[in-house]
Amino acid sequence: MINEIAALTSSTDGVLKSTSTTRFTAGTPDLGGTVQASGPSFSDTMAEVSQGAIDKIKAGEATAIAGVDGQASVQQVVEAVMAAESTLKTAIAIRDKVVNAYQEISRMSI
């Protein structure tokens, strides 16, 4: 590439000279095939996120029960329930996005 640029700038007929030295390859170049991704798979990540959400909701429920028994303060109960609610809203939003994506794919014409 540098030789072609140098040929363009060094001569008056640089365009003709650069096109004569250009080489084209037939076919597609070998890109090395497929390579496994080194990180976790999408399903593993979703399973981990789901389990984290389940654990957070269970912790909120346990704290609420402890609050009813008098073993947790009102502030702890409110914080745990708010965290569980936020997690539940996030899970519902993700579910809605997945369902919408599935519906969009199913409507595509083949």
C-alpha atoms as a PDB file:
ATOM      1  CA  MET A   1       0.000   0.000   0.000  1.00  0.00           C
ATOM      2  CA  ILE A   2       2.800   2.393   0.864  1.00  0.00           C
ATOM      3  CA  ASN A   3       4.484   1.618  -2.470  1.00  0.00           C
ATOM      4  CA  GLU A   4       1.299   2.522  -4.341  1.00  0.00           C
ATOM      5  CA  ILE A   5       1.013   5.824  -2.453  1.00  0.00           C
ATOM      6  CA  ALA A   6       4.656   6.593  -3.141  1.00  0.00           C
ATOM      7  CA  ALA A   7       4.119   5.812  -6.815  1.00  0.00           C
ATOM      8  CA  LEU A   8       1.204   8.240  -6.952  1.00  0.00           C
ATOM      9  CA  THR A   9       3.188  11.102  -5.508  1.00  0.00           C
ATOM     10  CA  SER A  10       6.508  10.490  -7.253  1.00  0.00           C
ATOM     11  CA  SER A  11       5.461  10.389 -10.897  1.00  0.00           C
ATOM     12  CA  THR A  12       3.202  12.262 -13.256  1.00  0.00           C
ATOM     13  CA  ASP A  13       1.511   9.071 -14.451  1.00  0.00           C
ATOM     14  CA  GLY A  14       1.124   7.774 -10.919  1.00  0.00           C
ATOM     15  CA  VAL A  15      -2.436   6.572 -11.415  1.00  0.00           C
ATOM     16  CA  LEU A  16      -1.409   4.284 -14.274  1.00  0.00           C
ATOM     17  CA  LYS A  17       1.663   3.073 -12.402  1.00  0.00           C
ATOM     18  CA  SER A  18      -0.266   2.326  -9.195  1.00  0.00           C
ATOM     19  CA  THR A  19      -3.003   0.375 -10.997  1.00  0.00           C
ATOM     20  CA  SER A  20      -0.449  -1.766 -12.762  1.00  0.00           C
ATOM     21  CA  THR A  21       1.157  -2.793  -9.447  1.00  0.00           C
ATOM     22  CA  THR A  22      -2.119  -3.539  -7.678  1.00  0.00           C
ATOM     23  CA  ARG A  23      -2.773  -7.248  -7.115  1.00  0.00           C
ATOM     24  CA  PHE A  24      -6.209  -8.711  -6.621  1.00  0.00           C
ATOM     25  CA  THR A  25      -6.858 -12.085  -5.041  1.00  0.00           C
ATOM     26  CA  ALA A  26      -9.548 -14.411  -6.257  1.00  0.00           C
ATOM     27  CA  GLY A  27     -12.012 -15.710  -3.681  1.00  0.00           C
ATOM     28  CA  THR A  28     -12.317 -14.838  -0.066  1.00  0.00           C
ATOM     29  CA  PRO A  29      -9.319 -14.621   2.219  1.00  0.00           C
ATOM     30  CA  ASP A  30      -8.883 -17.218   4.972  1.00  0.00           C
ATOM     31  CA  LEU A  31      -9.949 -15.578   8.205  1.00  0.00           C
ATOM     32  CA  GLY A  32      -8.966 -18.483  10.404  1.00  0.00           C
ATOM     33  CA  GLY A  33     -12.390 -20.101  10.795  1.00  0.00           C
ATOM     34  CA  THR A  34     -14.547 -19.844  13.847  1.00  0.00           C
ATOM     35  CA  VAL A  35     -13.060 -19.232  17.230  1.00  0.00           C
ATOM     36  CA  GLN A  36     -14.728 -20.048  20.519  1.00  0.00           C
ATOM     37  CA  ALA A  37     -15.501 -17.027  22.653  1.00  0.00           C
ATOM     38  CA  SER A  38     -13.437 -17.009  25.812  1.00  0.00           C
ATOM     39  CA  GLY A  39     -16.149 -15.566  28.057  1.00  0.00           C
ATOM     40  CA  PRO A  40     -19.258 -17.209  29.470  1.00  0.00           C
ATOM     41  CA  SER A  41     -22.127 -18.007  27.129  1.00  0.00           C
ATOM     42  CA  PHE A  42     -25.307 -15.949  26.950  1.00  0.00           C
ATOM     43  CA  SER A  43     -27.343 -18.683  28.627  1.00  0.00           C
ATOM     44  CA  ASP A  44     -24.811 -18.937  31.477  1.00  0.00           C
ATOM     45  CA  THR A  45     -24.960 -15.185  31.986  1.00  0.00           C
ATOM     46  CA  MET A  46     -28.759 -15.151  31.952  1.00  0.00           C
ATOM     47  CA  ALA A  47     -28.873 -18.065  34.412  1.00  0.00           C
ATOM     48  CA  GLU A  48     -26.504 -16.230  36.747  1.00  0.00           C
ATOM     49  CA  VAL A  49     -28.525 -13.006  36.560  1.00  0.00           C
ATOM     50  CA  SER A  50     -31.768 -14.929  37.126  1.00  0.00           C
ATOM     51  CA  GLN A  51     -30.365 -16.707  40.149  1.00  0.00           C
ATOM     52  CA  GLY A  52     -29.147 -13.379  41.563  1.00  0.00           C
ATOM     53  CA  ALA A  53     -32.620 -11.903  41.132  1.00  0.00           C
ATOM     54  CA  ILE A  54     -34.227 -14.900  42.821  1.00  0.00           C
ATOM     55  CA  ASP A  55     -31.779 -14.657  45.733  1.00  0.00           C
ATOM     56  CA  LYS A  56     -32.450 -10.934  46.171  1.00  0.00           C
ATOM     57  CA  ILE A  57     -36.223 -11.440  46.197  1.00  0.00           C
ATOM     58  CA  LYS A  58     -35.902 -14.298  48.696  1.00  0.00           C
ATOM     59  CA  ALA A  59     -33.717 -12.083  50.908  1.00  0.00           C
ATOM     60  CA  GLY A  60     -36.380  -9.369  50.775  1.00  0.00           C
ATOM     61  CA  GLU A  61     -39.053 -11.842  51.800  1.00  0.00           C
ATOM     62  CA  ALA A  62     -36.903 -13.209  54.622  1.00  0.00           C
ATOM     63  CA  THR A  63     -36.214  -9.702  55.912  1.00  0.00           C
ATOM     64  CA  ALA A  64     -39.920  -8.862  55.770  1.00  0.00           C
ATOM     65  CA  ILE A  65     -40.734 -11.984  57.805  1.00  0.00           C
ATOM     66  CA  ALA A  66     -37.972 -11.107  60.260  1.00  0.00           C
ATOM     67  CA  GLY A  67     -39.474  -7.622  60.546  1.00  0.00           C
ATOM     68  CA  VAL A  68     -42.880  -9.080  61.391  1.00  0.00           C
ATOM     69  CA  ASP A  69     -41.227 -11.229  64.076  1.00  0.00           C
ATOM     70  CA  GLY A  70     -39.472  -8.158  65.453  1.00  0.00           C
ATOM     71  CA  GLN A  71     -35.970  -9.356  64.534  1.00  0.00           C
ATOM     72  CA  ALA A  72     -35.322  -6.652  61.894  1.00  0.00           C
ATOM     73  CA  SER A  73     -35.772  -2.919  62.013  1.00  0.00           C
ATOM     74  CA  VAL A  74     -38.301  -1.101  59.870  1.00  0.00           C
ATOM     75  CA  GLN A  75     -35.488   0.502  57.882  1.00  0.00           C
ATOM     76  CA  GLN A  76     -33.941  -2.892  57.070  1.00  0.00           C
ATOM     77  CA  VAL A  77     -37.319  -4.235  55.980  1.00  0.00           C
ATOM     78  CA  VAL A  78     -38.022  -1.219  53.762  1.00  0.00           C
ATOM     79  CA  GLU A  79     -34.562  -1.373  52.148  1.00  0.00           C
ATOM     80  CA  ALA A  80     -34.835  -5.107  51.483  1.00  0.00           C
ATOM     81  CA  VAL A  81     -38.353  -4.850  50.074  1.00  0.00           C
ATOM     82  CA  MET A  82     -37.385  -1.884  47.855  1.00  0.00           C
ATOM     83  CA  ALA A  83     -34.371  -3.810  46.519  1.00  0.00           C
ATOM     84  CA  ALA A  84     -36.573  -6.836  45.838  1.00  0.00           C
ATOM     85  CA  GLU A  85     -39.152  -4.661  44.094  1.00  0.00           C
ATOM     86  CA  SER A  86     -36.496  -3.051  41.924  1.00  0.00           C
ATOM     87  CA  THR A  87     -35.114  -6.467  41.010  1.00  0.00           C
ATOM     88  CA  LEU A  88     -38.593  -7.748  40.156  1.00  0.00           C
ATOM     89  CA  LYS A  89     -39.309  -4.731  37.933  1.00  0.00           C
ATOM     90  CA  THR A  90     -35.996  -5.270  36.123  1.00  0.00           C
ATOM     91  CA  ALA A  91     -36.758  -8.964  35.608  1.00  0.00           C
ATOM     92  CA  ILE A  92     -40.206  -8.134  34.222  1.00  0.00           C
ATOM     93  CA  ALA A  93     -38.730  -5.540  31.851  1.00  0.00           C
ATOM     94  CA  ILE A  94     -36.172  -8.060  30.582  1.00  0.00           C
ATOM     95  CA  ARG A  95     -38.894 -10.673  30.135  1.00  0.00           C
ATOM     96  CA  ASP A  96     -40.997  -8.210  28.148  1.00  0.00           C
ATOM     97  CA  LYS A  97     -38.049  -7.372  25.880  1.00  0.00           C
ATOM     98  CA  VAL A  98     -37.338 -11.062  25.240  1.00  0.00           C
ATOM     99  CA  VAL A  99     -40.996 -11.748  24.419  1.00  0.00           C
ATOM    100  CA  ASN A 100     -41.109  -8.741  22.060  1.00  0.00           C
ATOM    101  CA  ALA A 101     -37.905  -9.878  20.343  1.00  0.00           C
ATOM    102  CA  TYR A 102     -39.353 -13.383  19.915  1.00  0.00           C
ATOM    103  CA  GLN A 103     -42.541 -11.975  18.427  1.00  0.00           C
ATOM    104  CA  GLU A 104     -40.565  -9.782  16.014  1.00  0.00           C
ATOM    105  CA  ILE A 105     -38.524 -12.776  14.878  1.00  0.00           C
ATOM    106  CA  SER A 106     -41.615 -14.946  14.444  1.00  0.00           C
ATOM    107  CA  ARG A 107     -43.212 -12.269  12.229  1.00  0.00           C
ATOM    108  CA  MET A 108     -40.226 -12.128   9.861  1.00  0.00           C
ATOM    109  CA  SER A 109     -40.815 -13.573   6.444  1.00  0.00           C
ATOM    110  CA  ILE A 110     -38.343 -16.162   5.275  1.00  0.00           C
END
